[in-house]
Amino acid sequence: MLKADINSQTESLSDQAISQALDLSISTLERVRKRFVEDGIEAALARKEQVNRKAPRFNGEQEAHLIAERL
């Protein structure tokens, strides 16, 4: 957010430059900026809860077994 601030005393960067510097997409940058403006800094820094997420197919033990078989 500080890199995009046009009112800061340091030079502000374009969305393209920020996305390249932080290795994230411009759409992610836009979503974070929107959350910051609408909900504040805490919401922008925290991951958004995924309410309709599917349950994982494997538990940790099953996943480890599958990976071990592939090696």
C-alpha atoms as a PDB file:
ATOM      1  CA  MET A   1       0.000   0.000   0.000  1.00  0.00           C
ATOM      2  CA  LEU A   2       2.862   2.343   0.762  1.00  0.00           C
ATOM      3  CA  LYS A   3       4.414   1.824  -2.672  1.00  0.00           C
ATOM      4  CA  ALA A   4       1.139   2.853  -4.344  1.00  0.00           C
ATOM      5  CA  ASP A   5       0.533   5.923  -2.162  1.00  0.00           C
ATOM      6  CA  ILE A   6       0.681   8.947  -4.463  1.00  0.00           C
ATOM      7  CA  ASN A   7       0.714  11.299  -1.452  1.00  0.00           C
ATOM      8  CA  SER A   8       3.818   9.789   0.130  1.00  0.00           C
ATOM      9  CA  GLN A   9       7.113  11.612   0.286  1.00  0.00           C
ATOM     10  CA  THR A  10       8.811   8.849  -1.693  1.00  0.00           C
ATOM     11  CA  GLU A  11       8.071   7.992  -5.306  1.00  0.00           C
ATOM     12  CA  SER A  12       4.877   6.003  -5.861  1.00  0.00           C
ATOM     13  CA  LEU A  13       5.006   2.990  -8.174  1.00  0.00           C
ATOM     14  CA  SER A  14       2.589   1.764 -10.815  1.00  0.00           C
ATOM     15  CA  ASP A  15       0.516  -1.366 -10.209  1.00  0.00           C
ATOM     16  CA  GLN A  16       2.650  -3.150 -12.816  1.00  0.00           C
ATOM     17  CA  ALA A  17       5.879  -2.297 -10.974  1.00  0.00           C
ATOM     18  CA  ILE A  18       4.432  -3.303  -7.584  1.00  0.00           C
ATOM     19  CA  SER A  19       3.097  -6.609  -8.919  1.00  0.00           C
ATOM     20  CA  GLN A  20       6.496  -7.463 -10.400  1.00  0.00           C
ATOM     21  CA  ALA A  21       8.386  -6.435  -7.251  1.00  0.00           C
ATOM     22  CA  LEU A  22       6.116  -8.501  -4.977  1.00  0.00           C
ATOM     23  CA  ASP A  23       5.580 -11.355  -7.449  1.00  0.00           C
ATOM     24  CA  LEU A  24       1.785 -11.199  -7.439  1.00  0.00           C
ATOM     25  CA  SER A  25      -0.867 -10.498 -10.022  1.00  0.00           C
ATOM     26  CA  ILE A  26      -2.392  -7.091 -10.588  1.00  0.00           C
ATOM     27  CA  SER A  27      -5.824  -8.527  -9.737  1.00  0.00           C
ATOM     28  CA  THR A  28      -4.500  -9.643  -6.328  1.00  0.00           C
ATOM     29  CA  LEU A  29      -3.076  -6.172  -5.771  1.00  0.00           C
ATOM     30  CA  GLU A  30      -6.447  -4.641  -6.671  1.00  0.00           C
ATOM     31  CA  ARG A  31      -8.311  -6.980  -4.285  1.00  0.00           C
ATOM     32  CA  VAL A  32      -5.959  -6.160  -1.400  1.00  0.00           C
ATOM     33  CA  ARG A  33      -6.273  -2.441  -2.088  1.00  0.00           C
ATOM     34  CA  LYS A  34     -10.078  -2.726  -2.168  1.00  0.00           C
ATOM     35  CA  ARG A  35     -10.124  -4.655   1.147  1.00  0.00           C
ATOM     36  CA  PHE A  36      -7.836  -2.005   2.664  1.00  0.00           C
ATOM     37  CA  VAL A  37     -10.115   0.850   1.590  1.00  0.00           C
ATOM     38  CA  GLU A  38     -13.380  -0.863   2.546  1.00  0.00           C
ATOM     39  CA  ASP A  39     -12.385  -2.787   5.686  1.00  0.00           C
ATOM     40  CA  GLY A  40      -9.093  -1.341   6.966  1.00  0.00           C
ATOM     41  CA  ILE A  41      -5.512  -2.483   7.383  1.00  0.00           C
ATOM     42  CA  GLU A  42      -6.256  -5.599   9.455  1.00  0.00           C
ATOM     43  CA  ALA A  43      -8.568  -7.000   6.775  1.00  0.00           C
ATOM     44  CA  ALA A  44      -6.017  -6.248   4.045  1.00  0.00           C
ATOM     45  CA  LEU A  45      -3.239  -8.065   5.910  1.00  0.00           C
ATOM     46  CA  ALA A  46      -5.251 -11.139   6.917  1.00  0.00           C
ATOM     47  CA  ARG A  47      -6.304 -13.917   4.569  1.00  0.00           C
ATOM     48  CA  LYS A  48      -9.966 -13.857   3.718  1.00  0.00           C
ATOM     49  CA  GLU A  49     -11.899 -16.857   5.053  1.00  0.00           C
ATOM     50  CA  GLN A  50     -13.142 -19.156   2.297  1.00  0.00           C
ATOM     51  CA  VAL A  51     -16.698 -20.044   3.218  1.00  0.00           C
ATOM     52  CA  ASN A  52     -17.607 -22.458   0.385  1.00  0.00           C
ATOM     53  CA  ARG A  53     -14.342 -24.374   0.298  1.00  0.00           C
ATOM     54  CA  LYS A  54     -14.509 -28.125  -0.318  1.00  0.00           C
ATOM     55  CA  ALA A  55     -13.166 -30.498   2.303  1.00  0.00           C
ATOM     56  CA  PRO A  56      -9.696 -31.876   1.513  1.00  0.00           C
ATOM     57  CA  ARG A  57      -9.662 -35.243  -0.254  1.00  0.00           C
ATOM     58  CA  PHE A  58      -6.800 -36.607   1.839  1.00  0.00           C
ATOM     59  CA  ASN A  59      -5.758 -36.174   5.445  1.00  0.00           C
ATOM     60  CA  GLY A  60      -2.094 -35.594   6.265  1.00  0.00           C
ATOM     61  CA  GLU A  61      -1.263 -39.284   6.683  1.00  0.00           C
ATOM     62  CA  GLN A  62      -2.901 -40.251   3.368  1.00  0.00           C
ATOM     63  CA  GLU A  63      -1.120 -37.426   1.569  1.00  0.00           C
ATOM     64  CA  ALA A  64       2.264 -38.467   2.994  1.00  0.00           C
ATOM     65  CA  HIS A  65       1.648 -42.066   1.888  1.00  0.00           C
ATOM     66  CA  LEU A  66       0.740 -40.942  -1.630  1.00  0.00           C
ATOM     67  CA  ILE A  67       3.869 -38.785  -1.905  1.00  0.00           C
ATOM     68  CA  ALA A  68       6.048 -41.624  -0.600  1.00  0.00           C
ATOM     69  CA  GLU A  69       4.635 -43.969  -3.264  1.00  0.00           C
ATOM     70  CA  ARG A  70       5.489 -41.525  -6.029  1.00  0.00           C
ATOM     71  CA  LEU A  71       9.125 -41.237  -4.908  1.00  0.00           C
END
